[in-house]
Every structure is written in C-alpha cells, then in structure tokens.
Amino acid sequence: MGAGHAHKLYRHGHSAVHRLPPQCKITAAFGFVLVVVATPREVFWAFGVYALLLAATAAAARVPAGFLLKRMLVEVPFVAFAVLMPFAAEGERTVVLGLPLSVPGLWGAWNILVKGTLGVAASVLLASTTELRELLLGLQRLRMPPMLVQIASFMIRYGDVITDEMRRMRIARLSRGFEARGIRHWGVLAKSAGALFIRSYERGERVHLAMVSRGYTGTMPVIDEATATRTQWARAAVLPAAALAVCLAGWTL
C-alpha cells in the first residue's frame, strides 16, 4: 500500500479538513454527490447553496479558489457536450439570442452542467486535502474489494514508471532523427505503443514474481486499521447533512 508520494491535486496543509480520517472524507464527498444528483433540476437556488457549502469547506481547508478552478478543467469535455445538447435534442423549441434551441436540451444541459460541476468540485476538494496513500487506506477501511484497492495502488505506484519509459522511447526516436509530422508516421508510433505494452507486461510479471518470492498470497498486509471517532464522523457529516436538508427543502417547497 505504498504510493506515499504527493500527487498534483494534493495541497499540503494542516487544517481541520486535512486532519479528518480519509474514510470520513470519502464518505462525506460521496454522500454530497448523491444528494446533488437527487436534487430536482428546477430548484435553481439549491445548487447555489451547494456551491456555497463547497466554498465554505474549501475555506475551512484553506484551499484557494484558483487552485480548485485550475484542476476543475478536467470537466471541459462534459461542458462541451452540455453546450451541444440544446442544438441536437428534439422537442419543443425556443429562441435564445436569435438561435432556435430545444427546451428539453436546455434542461438537460443545465442538469449535466450544474451537477457535474458540483461533483467535480467535491472530488477535487477531496483530492486536494487527502494524499493518495490516505485515499487508498480510506477505501481499505471502508471495506472496498481488496483486489480493486491493490489494482489502484499498483496503478499509482507504477504510473510514473510507465511515463518515464515513454519519455525514454521518445528521446530514442528523436535521437535517430524521427519526428511525427503526419499520417505516414502513425505506423512508427503504433509500433512504439506495442513495444511499450510488451515492456509493461513483462515488468508486471517480474514484479509479481518478486512479490510471490517474498510471500505474497493475493492480499496485501493491512498497514493501519485506525478507526475514526464519533466526533470525526460527525464533523465529516456536516457537509452531506446540510446538503440533504437543502435537497429535502427543494423537494417539498
């Protein structure tokens, strides 16, 4: 359960949010996203309150808004998809700024955009306050299937190794005068990708044999079984509980 190195999303800090056990933060973020998804799309004010709740959590974690916004660019493809929906969807049409748009498409675009943005923001905030190793430990404590935790652990640990292998192969191609400039060079890139796959597969087999020779039986040793206190669970529950209250108000009002 290694991978103790910090990732690009993590921001080192000593806030109350950083100190919460990872299983508490994972559960809180997951609960918050579920509540957001369950909120009627017509209740506009509720999503504004959700954004304020996330902003308050970020302020408590001392994570700058700019730090979060830069890392939320990962949702750009979803934004592009949402923008195209009013043009492609069928149904009743309405005119907005001189453009005929689908009413169901507008509602669908709004639904995807607002809920996706809030979900991404919650995920980025979780990653900003929790190291990768702690995330894996949190999933382990939440009784996630051990095999999935191991796969995630190895993916994180050896992702940099594979990336470095790709860099060395690229340097080797450049040193031989190769530079991809068009479709004619796709064959060389495809062969490089195949070679990278073979090397990665062989490296995985060597790592597996090394682990078996050291007593690996299919399960990783549990490094830390520390449990969260009731106070820590209560603090983590503030965000999803407040969101749930907003959601219930949105359904009843």
C-alpha atoms as a PDB file:
ATOM      1  CA  MET A   1       0.000   0.000   0.000  1.00  0.00           C
ATOM      2  CA  GLY A   2       2.753   2.346  -0.918  1.00  0.00           C
ATOM      3  CA  ALA A   3       2.437   5.355  -3.179  1.00  0.00           C
ATOM      4  CA  GLY A   4       3.146   7.768  -0.399  1.00  0.00           C
ATOM      5  CA  HIS A   5       4.334  10.464  -2.780  1.00  0.00           C
ATOM      6  CA  ALA A   6       2.117  13.503  -3.171  1.00  0.00           C
ATOM      7  CA  HIS A   7       0.107  13.940  -6.338  1.00  0.00           C
ATOM      8  CA  LYS A   8      -0.554  17.111  -8.299  1.00  0.00           C
ATOM      9  CA  LEU A   9      -4.057  17.545  -6.912  1.00  0.00           C
ATOM     10  CA  TYR A  10      -2.942  17.424  -3.291  1.00  0.00           C
ATOM     11  CA  ARG A  11      -2.245  20.665  -1.431  1.00  0.00           C
ATOM     12  CA  HIS A  12      -0.302  20.223   1.778  1.00  0.00           C
ATOM     13  CA  GLY A  13      -1.965  21.736   4.810  1.00  0.00           C
ATOM     14  CA  HIS A  14      -2.789  21.323   8.486  1.00  0.00           C
ATOM     15  CA  SER A  15      -6.437  22.339   8.507  1.00  0.00           C
ATOM     16  CA  ALA A  16      -9.255  20.527  10.291  1.00  0.00           C
ATOM     17  CA  VAL A  17     -10.316  19.049   6.939  1.00  0.00           C
ATOM     18  CA  HIS A  18      -6.815  17.707   6.259  1.00  0.00           C
ATOM     19  CA  ARG A  19      -6.756  16.026   9.675  1.00  0.00           C
ATOM     20  CA  LEU A  20     -10.006  14.128   9.178  1.00  0.00           C
ATOM     21  CA  PRO A  21      -9.570  10.389   8.540  1.00  0.00           C
ATOM     22  CA  PRO A  22      -9.734   9.568   4.825  1.00  0.00           C
ATOM     23  CA  GLN A  23     -12.711   7.218   5.177  1.00  0.00           C
ATOM     24  CA  CYS A  24     -14.732  10.065   6.671  1.00  0.00           C
ATOM     25  CA  LYS A  25     -13.869  12.433   3.825  1.00  0.00           C
ATOM     26  CA  ILE A  26     -14.566   9.826   1.141  1.00  0.00           C
ATOM     27  CA  THR A  27     -17.968   9.044   2.652  1.00  0.00           C
ATOM     28  CA  ALA A  28     -18.815  12.741   3.010  1.00  0.00           C
ATOM     29  CA  ALA A  29     -17.878  13.518  -0.601  1.00  0.00           C
ATOM     30  CA  PHE A  30     -19.809  10.507  -1.901  1.00  0.00           C
ATOM     31  CA  GLY A  31     -22.872  11.427   0.155  1.00  0.00           C
ATOM     32  CA  PHE A  32     -22.721  15.031  -1.038  1.00  0.00           C
ATOM     33  CA  VAL A  33     -22.594  13.955  -4.697  1.00  0.00           C
ATOM     34  CA  LEU A  34     -25.552  11.599  -4.219  1.00  0.00           C
ATOM     35  CA  VAL A  35     -27.613  14.410  -2.697  1.00  0.00           C
ATOM     36  CA  VAL A  36     -26.711  16.779  -5.532  1.00  0.00           C
ATOM     37  CA  VAL A  37     -27.721  14.205  -8.151  1.00  0.00           C
ATOM     38  CA  ALA A  38     -31.035  13.607  -6.358  1.00  0.00           C
ATOM     39  CA  THR A  39     -31.928  17.315  -6.334  1.00  0.00           C
ATOM     40  CA  PRO A  40     -34.597  18.405  -8.876  1.00  0.00           C
ATOM     41  CA  ARG A  41     -33.015  20.360 -11.684  1.00  0.00           C
ATOM     42  CA  GLU A  42     -35.738  23.010 -11.470  1.00  0.00           C
ATOM     43  CA  VAL A  43     -34.675  24.094  -7.969  1.00  0.00           C
ATOM     44  CA  PHE A  44     -32.046  26.626  -9.036  1.00  0.00           C
ATOM     45  CA  TRP A  45     -31.448  28.093  -5.588  1.00  0.00           C
ATOM     46  CA  ALA A  46     -30.476  24.701  -4.144  1.00  0.00           C
ATOM     47  CA  PHE A  47     -27.445  24.425  -6.407  1.00  0.00           C
ATOM     48  CA  GLY A  48     -26.334  27.879  -5.337  1.00  0.00           C
ATOM     49  CA  VAL A  49     -26.464  26.724  -1.717  1.00  0.00           C
ATOM     50  CA  TYR A  50     -24.450  23.618  -2.620  1.00  0.00           C
ATOM     51  CA  ALA A  51     -21.790  25.830  -4.173  1.00  0.00           C
ATOM     52  CA  LEU A  52     -21.677  27.935  -1.003  1.00  0.00           C
ATOM     53  CA  LEU A  53     -21.283  24.778   1.105  1.00  0.00           C
ATOM     54  CA  LEU A  54     -18.329  23.673  -1.012  1.00  0.00           C
ATOM     55  CA  ALA A  55     -16.831  27.157  -0.829  1.00  0.00           C
ATOM     56  CA  ALA A  56     -17.130  27.094   2.967  1.00  0.00           C
ATOM     57  CA  THR A  57     -15.464  23.676   3.069  1.00  0.00           C
ATOM     58  CA  ALA A  58     -12.641  24.909   0.832  1.00  0.00           C
ATOM     59  CA  ALA A  59     -12.183  27.929   3.082  1.00  0.00           C
ATOM     60  CA  ALA A  60     -12.031  25.663   6.147  1.00  0.00           C
ATOM     61  CA  ALA A  61      -9.436  23.530   4.331  1.00  0.00           C
ATOM     62  CA  ARG A  62      -7.507  26.684   3.315  1.00  0.00           C
ATOM     63  CA  VAL A  63      -7.553  25.663  -0.339  1.00  0.00           C
ATOM     64  CA  PRO A  64      -7.507  28.734  -2.647  1.00  0.00           C
ATOM     65  CA  ALA A  65     -10.259  29.098  -5.234  1.00  0.00           C
ATOM     66  CA  GLY A  66      -7.707  29.397  -8.023  1.00  0.00           C
ATOM     67  CA  PHE A  67      -6.164  26.063  -7.060  1.00  0.00           C
ATOM     68  CA  LEU A  68      -9.565  24.346  -7.331  1.00  0.00           C
ATOM     69  CA  LEU A  69     -10.643  26.074 -10.532  1.00  0.00           C
ATOM     70  CA  LYS A  70      -7.469  25.125 -12.396  1.00  0.00           C
ATOM     71  CA  ARG A  71      -7.932  21.473 -11.513  1.00  0.00           C
ATOM     72  CA  MET A  72     -11.604  21.506 -12.457  1.00  0.00           C
ATOM     73  CA  LEU A  73     -10.676  21.963 -16.119  1.00  0.00           C
ATOM     74  CA  VAL A  74     -10.952  18.178 -16.381  1.00  0.00           C
ATOM     75  CA  GLU A  75     -14.698  18.626 -16.893  1.00  0.00           C
ATOM     76  CA  VAL A  76     -14.264  20.664 -20.100  1.00  0.00           C
ATOM     77  CA  PRO A  77     -15.382  17.711 -22.342  1.00  0.00           C
ATOM     78  CA  PHE A  78     -18.614  17.430 -20.335  1.00  0.00           C
ATOM     79  CA  VAL A  79     -19.176  21.169 -20.697  1.00  0.00           C
ATOM     80  CA  ALA A  80     -18.748  20.871 -24.459  1.00  0.00           C
ATOM     81  CA  PHE A  81     -21.252  18.011 -24.543  1.00  0.00           C
ATOM     82  CA  ALA A  82     -23.736  20.022 -22.480  1.00  0.00           C
ATOM     83  CA  VAL A  83     -23.384  23.044 -24.787  1.00  0.00           C
ATOM     84  CA  LEU A  84     -24.238  20.918 -27.825  1.00  0.00           C
ATOM     85  CA  MET A  85     -27.370  19.361 -26.304  1.00  0.00           C
ATOM     86  CA  PRO A  86     -29.755  22.320 -26.906  1.00  0.00           C
ATOM     87  CA  PHE A  87     -28.833  22.220 -30.603  1.00  0.00           C
ATOM     88  CA  ALA A  88     -29.073  18.449 -31.085  1.00  0.00           C
ATOM     89  CA  ALA A  89     -32.004  17.468 -28.852  1.00  0.00           C
ATOM     90  CA  GLU A  90     -35.545  17.220 -30.186  1.00  0.00           C
ATOM     91  CA  GLY A  91     -38.789  18.524 -28.757  1.00  0.00           C
ATOM     92  CA  GLU A  92     -40.236  21.957 -28.130  1.00  0.00           C
ATOM     93  CA  ARG A  93     -38.094  24.799 -29.429  1.00  0.00           C
ATOM     94  CA  THR A  94     -37.429  28.262 -28.053  1.00  0.00           C
ATOM     95  CA  VAL A  95     -35.404  31.198 -29.348  1.00  0.00           C
ATOM     96  CA  VAL A  96     -32.398  32.361 -27.292  1.00  0.00           C
ATOM     97  CA  LEU A  97     -30.268  35.184 -28.695  1.00  0.00           C
ATOM     98  CA  GLY A  98     -31.730  34.516 -32.109  1.00  0.00           C
ATOM     99  CA  LEU A  99     -30.914  30.781 -32.017  1.00  0.00           C
ATOM    100  CA  PRO A 100     -33.656  28.106 -32.031  1.00  0.00           C
ATOM    101  CA  LEU A 101     -32.857  25.779 -29.130  1.00  0.00           C
ATOM    102  CA  SER A 102     -34.536  22.675 -27.755  1.00  0.00           C
ATOM    103  CA  VAL A 103     -36.250  23.198 -24.403  1.00  0.00           C
ATOM    104  CA  PRO A 104     -35.577  19.602 -23.224  1.00  0.00           C
ATOM    105  CA  GLY A 105     -31.998  20.069 -24.444  1.00  0.00           C
ATOM    106  CA  LEU A 106     -31.602  23.239 -22.390  1.00  0.00           C
ATOM    107  CA  TRP A 107     -32.869  21.473 -19.279  1.00  0.00           C
ATOM    108  CA  GLY A 108     -30.574  18.520 -19.935  1.00  0.00           C
ATOM    109  CA  ALA A 109     -27.584  20.784 -20.489  1.00  0.00           C
ATOM    110  CA  TRP A 110     -28.273  22.654 -17.256  1.00  0.00           C
ATOM    111  CA  ASN A 111     -28.724  19.406 -15.357  1.00  0.00           C
ATOM    112  CA  ILE A 112     -25.421  17.952 -16.606  1.00  0.00           C
ATOM    113  CA  LEU A 113     -23.506  21.192 -16.237  1.00  0.00           C
ATOM    114  CA  VAL A 114     -24.501  22.143 -12.702  1.00  0.00           C
ATOM    115  CA  LYS A 115     -24.466  18.663 -11.181  1.00  0.00           C
ATOM    116  CA  GLY A 116     -21.279  17.664 -12.977  1.00  0.00           C
ATOM    117  CA  THR A 117     -19.521  20.843 -11.888  1.00  0.00           C
ATOM    118  CA  LEU A 118     -20.503  20.371  -8.255  1.00  0.00           C
ATOM    119  CA  GLY A 119     -19.455  16.715  -8.356  1.00  0.00           C
ATOM    120  CA  VAL A 120     -16.075  17.547  -9.882  1.00  0.00           C
ATOM    121  CA  ALA A 121     -15.568  20.335  -7.344  1.00  0.00           C
ATOM    122  CA  ALA A 122     -16.281  17.949  -4.458  1.00  0.00           C
ATOM    123  CA  SER A 123     -13.889  15.349  -5.901  1.00  0.00           C
ATOM    124  CA  VAL A 124     -11.122  17.892  -6.462  1.00  0.00           C
ATOM    125  CA  LEU A 125     -11.593  19.206  -2.933  1.00  0.00           C
ATOM    126  CA  LEU A 126     -11.309  15.660  -1.586  1.00  0.00           C
ATOM    127  CA  ALA A 127      -8.113  15.064  -3.565  1.00  0.00           C
ATOM    128  CA  SER A 128      -6.731  18.456  -2.502  1.00  0.00           C
ATOM    129  CA  THR A 129      -6.942  17.546   1.177  1.00  0.00           C
ATOM    130  CA  THR A 130      -6.088  13.825   1.056  1.00  0.00           C
ATOM    131  CA  GLU A 131      -2.880  12.153  -0.094  1.00  0.00           C
ATOM    132  CA  LEU A 132      -3.067   9.185  -2.446  1.00  0.00           C
ATOM    133  CA  ARG A 133      -1.849   6.769   0.196  1.00  0.00           C
ATOM    134  CA  GLU A 134      -4.531   8.003   2.598  1.00  0.00           C
ATOM    135  CA  LEU A 135      -7.206   7.634  -0.076  1.00  0.00           C
ATOM    136  CA  LEU A 136      -6.218   4.010  -0.563  1.00  0.00           C
ATOM    137  CA  LEU A 137      -6.217   3.432   3.183  1.00  0.00           C
ATOM    138  CA  GLY A 138      -9.642   5.053   3.404  1.00  0.00           C
ATOM    139  CA  LEU A 139     -11.023   2.757   0.731  1.00  0.00           C
ATOM    140  CA  GLN A 140      -9.492  -0.200   2.550  1.00  0.00           C
ATOM    141  CA  ARG A 141     -11.137   0.835   5.820  1.00  0.00           C
ATOM    142  CA  LEU A 142     -14.467   1.222   4.044  1.00  0.00           C
ATOM    143  CA  ARG A 143     -14.205  -2.443   3.036  1.00  0.00           C
ATOM    144  CA  MET A 144     -13.783  -1.826  -0.674  1.00  0.00           C
ATOM    145  CA  PRO A 145     -12.925  -5.095  -2.501  1.00  0.00           C
ATOM    146  CA  PRO A 146      -9.222  -5.710  -1.741  1.00  0.00           C
ATOM    147  CA  MET A 147      -8.411  -6.554  -5.354  1.00  0.00           C
ATOM    148  CA  LEU A 148      -9.641  -3.148  -6.549  1.00  0.00           C
ATOM    149  CA  VAL A 149      -7.582  -1.414  -3.871  1.00  0.00           C
ATOM    150  CA  GLN A 150      -4.496  -3.352  -4.929  1.00  0.00           C
ATOM    151  CA  ILE A 151      -5.043  -2.505  -8.607  1.00  0.00           C
ATOM    152  CA  ALA A 152      -5.376   1.181  -7.752  1.00  0.00           C
ATOM    153  CA  SER A 153      -2.281   1.018  -5.573  1.00  0.00           C
ATOM    154  CA  PHE A 154      -0.128  -0.563  -8.280  1.00  0.00           C
ATOM    155  CA  MET A 155      -1.516   1.800 -10.925  1.00  0.00           C
ATOM    156  CA  ILE A 156      -0.467   4.791  -8.839  1.00  0.00           C
ATOM    157  CA  ARG A 157       2.886   3.308  -7.895  1.00  0.00           C
ATOM    158  CA  TYR A 158       3.940   2.318 -11.424  1.00  0.00           C
ATOM    159  CA  GLY A 159       2.219   5.077 -13.410  1.00  0.00           C
ATOM    160  CA  ASP A 160       5.335   7.232 -13.172  1.00  0.00           C
ATOM    161  CA  VAL A 161       7.484   4.277 -14.209  1.00  0.00           C
ATOM    162  CA  ILE A 162       5.490   3.796 -17.415  1.00  0.00           C
ATOM    163  CA  THR A 163       5.522   7.530 -18.095  1.00  0.00           C
ATOM    164  CA  ASP A 164       9.299   7.574 -17.739  1.00  0.00           C
ATOM    165  CA  GLU A 165       9.536   4.604 -20.126  1.00  0.00           C
ATOM    166  CA  MET A 166       7.510   6.571 -22.686  1.00  0.00           C
ATOM    167  CA  ARG A 167       9.857   9.533 -22.273  1.00  0.00           C
ATOM    168  CA  ARG A 168      12.935   7.380 -22.885  1.00  0.00           C
ATOM    169  CA  MET A 169      11.369   5.868 -26.005  1.00  0.00           C
ATOM    170  CA  ARG A 170      10.524   9.339 -27.309  1.00  0.00           C
ATOM    171  CA  ILE A 171      14.119  10.507 -26.735  1.00  0.00           C
ATOM    172  CA  ALA A 172      15.383   7.403 -28.554  1.00  0.00           C
ATOM    173  CA  ARG A 173      13.185   8.208 -31.562  1.00  0.00           C
ATOM    174  CA  LEU A 174      14.336  11.826 -31.612  1.00  0.00           C
ATOM    175  CA  SER A 175      17.999  10.822 -31.373  1.00  0.00           C
ATOM    176  CA  ARG A 176      17.502   8.763 -34.549  1.00  0.00           C
ATOM    177  CA  GLY A 177      16.016  11.724 -36.395  1.00  0.00           C
ATOM    178  CA  PHE A 178      12.378  10.660 -36.190  1.00  0.00           C
ATOM    179  CA  GLU A 179       9.672  13.282 -35.773  1.00  0.00           C
ATOM    180  CA  ALA A 180       5.975  12.554 -36.289  1.00  0.00           C
ATOM    181  CA  ARG A 181       4.642  15.002 -38.868  1.00  0.00           C
ATOM    182  CA  GLY A 182       1.722  13.233 -40.483  1.00  0.00           C
ATOM    183  CA  ILE A 183      -0.251  10.079 -41.073  1.00  0.00           C
ATOM    184  CA  ARG A 184       2.790   8.406 -42.659  1.00  0.00           C
ATOM    185  CA  HIS A 185       4.441   8.200 -39.246  1.00  0.00           C
ATOM    186  CA  TRP A 186       1.499   6.627 -37.443  1.00  0.00           C
ATOM    187  CA  GLY A 187       2.928   3.165 -38.081  1.00  0.00           C
ATOM    188  CA  VAL A 188       6.070   4.003 -36.106  1.00  0.00           C
ATOM    189  CA  LEU A 189       4.001   5.409 -33.231  1.00  0.00           C
ATOM    190  CA  ALA A 190       1.812   2.286 -33.257  1.00  0.00           C
ATOM    191  CA  LYS A 191       4.901   0.060 -33.032  1.00  0.00           C
ATOM    192  CA  SER A 192       6.161   2.195 -30.137  1.00  0.00           C
ATOM    193  CA  ALA A 193       2.849   1.754 -28.350  1.00  0.00           C
ATOM    194  CA  GLY A 194       3.040  -2.010 -28.882  1.00  0.00           C
ATOM    195  CA  ALA A 195       6.607  -2.116 -27.559  1.00  0.00           C
ATOM    196  CA  LEU A 196       5.536  -0.106 -24.522  1.00  0.00           C
ATOM    197  CA  PHE A 197       2.722  -2.578 -23.845  1.00  0.00           C
ATOM    198  CA  ILE A 198       5.092  -5.556 -24.051  1.00  0.00           C
ATOM    199  CA  ARG A 199       7.626  -3.892 -21.762  1.00  0.00           C
ATOM    200  CA  SER A 200       4.915  -3.005 -19.250  1.00  0.00           C
ATOM    201  CA  TYR A 201       3.541  -6.547 -19.313  1.00  0.00           C
ATOM    202  CA  GLU A 202       6.986  -8.045 -18.776  1.00  0.00           C
ATOM    203  CA  ARG A 203       7.703  -5.612 -15.960  1.00  0.00           C
ATOM    204  CA  GLY A 204       4.404  -6.559 -14.321  1.00  0.00           C
ATOM    205  CA  GLU A 205       5.319 -10.251 -14.467  1.00  0.00           C
ATOM    206  CA  ARG A 206       8.729  -9.563 -12.913  1.00  0.00           C
ATOM    207  CA  VAL A 207       7.133  -7.549 -10.126  1.00  0.00           C
ATOM    208  CA  HIS A 208       4.587 -10.300  -9.493  1.00  0.00           C
ATOM    209  CA  LEU A 209       7.268 -12.986  -9.302  1.00  0.00           C
ATOM    210  CA  ALA A 210       9.288 -10.812  -6.917  1.00  0.00           C
ATOM    211  CA  MET A 211       6.222 -10.373  -4.684  1.00  0.00           C
ATOM    212  CA  VAL A 212       5.422 -14.106  -4.713  1.00  0.00           C
ATOM    213  CA  SER A 213       9.016 -14.913  -3.755  1.00  0.00           C
ATOM    214  CA  ARG A 214       8.549 -12.619  -0.747  1.00  0.00           C
ATOM    215  CA  GLY A 215       5.383 -14.331   0.460  1.00  0.00           C
ATOM    216  CA  TYR A 216       2.604 -12.563  -1.463  1.00  0.00           C
ATOM    217  CA  THR A 217      -0.561 -14.701  -1.444  1.00  0.00           C
ATOM    218  CA  GLY A 218      -3.040 -12.411  -3.185  1.00  0.00           C
ATOM    219  CA  THR A 219      -3.738  -9.978  -0.370  1.00  0.00           C
ATOM    220  CA  MET A 220      -1.736  -7.021   0.827  1.00  0.00           C
ATOM    221  CA  PRO A 221      -0.926  -6.631   4.542  1.00  0.00           C
ATOM    222  CA  VAL A 222      -3.071  -4.153   6.419  1.00  0.00           C
ATOM    223  CA  ILE A 223      -0.791  -1.278   7.364  1.00  0.00           C
ATOM    224  CA  ASP A 224      -3.141   0.748   9.515  1.00  0.00           C
ATOM    225  CA  GLU A 225      -6.538  -0.181  10.920  1.00  0.00           C
ATOM    226  CA  ALA A 226      -7.072   3.079  12.800  1.00  0.00           C
ATOM    227  CA  THR A 227     -10.763   3.885  13.184  1.00  0.00           C
ATOM    228  CA  ALA A 228     -12.387   7.287  13.175  1.00  0.00           C
ATOM    229  CA  THR A 229     -14.008   8.647  16.311  1.00  0.00           C
ATOM    230  CA  ARG A 230     -17.646   9.683  16.535  1.00  0.00           C
ATOM    231  CA  THR A 231     -16.571  13.305  16.656  1.00  0.00           C
ATOM    232  CA  GLN A 232     -14.641  12.949  13.398  1.00  0.00           C
ATOM    233  CA  TRP A 233     -17.577  11.243  11.703  1.00  0.00           C
ATOM    234  CA  ALA A 234     -19.873  13.999  12.950  1.00  0.00           C
ATOM    235  CA  ARG A 235     -17.597  16.715  11.556  1.00  0.00           C
ATOM    236  CA  ALA A 236     -17.393  14.980   8.193  1.00  0.00           C
ATOM    237  CA  ALA A 237     -21.180  14.566   8.121  1.00  0.00           C
ATOM    238  CA  VAL A 238     -21.789  18.310   8.290  1.00  0.00           C
ATOM    239  CA  LEU A 239     -21.428  18.788   4.526  1.00  0.00           C
ATOM    240  CA  PRO A 240     -23.683  15.934   3.301  1.00  0.00           C
ATOM    241  CA  ALA A 241     -26.198  16.571   6.113  1.00  0.00           C
ATOM    242  CA  ALA A 242     -26.525  20.247   5.189  1.00  0.00           C
ATOM    243  CA  ALA A 243     -26.836  19.280   1.511  1.00  0.00           C
ATOM    244  CA  LEU A 244     -29.524  16.738   2.387  1.00  0.00           C
ATOM    245  CA  ALA A 245     -31.512  19.398   4.229  1.00  0.00           C
ATOM    246  CA  VAL A 246     -31.330  21.618   1.149  1.00  0.00           C
ATOM    247  CA  CYS A 247     -32.393  18.750  -1.094  1.00  0.00           C
ATOM    248  CA  LEU A 248     -35.403  17.911   1.071  1.00  0.00           C
ATOM    249  CA  ALA A 249     -36.393  21.578   1.100  1.00  0.00           C
ATOM    250  CA  GLY A 250     -36.139  21.630  -2.675  1.00  0.00           C
ATOM    251  CA  TRP A 251     -38.481  18.638  -2.992  1.00  0.00           C
ATOM    252  CA  THR A 252     -41.060  19.958  -0.522  1.00  0.00           C
ATOM    253  CA  LEU A 253     -41.176  23.689  -1.320  1.00  0.00           C
END
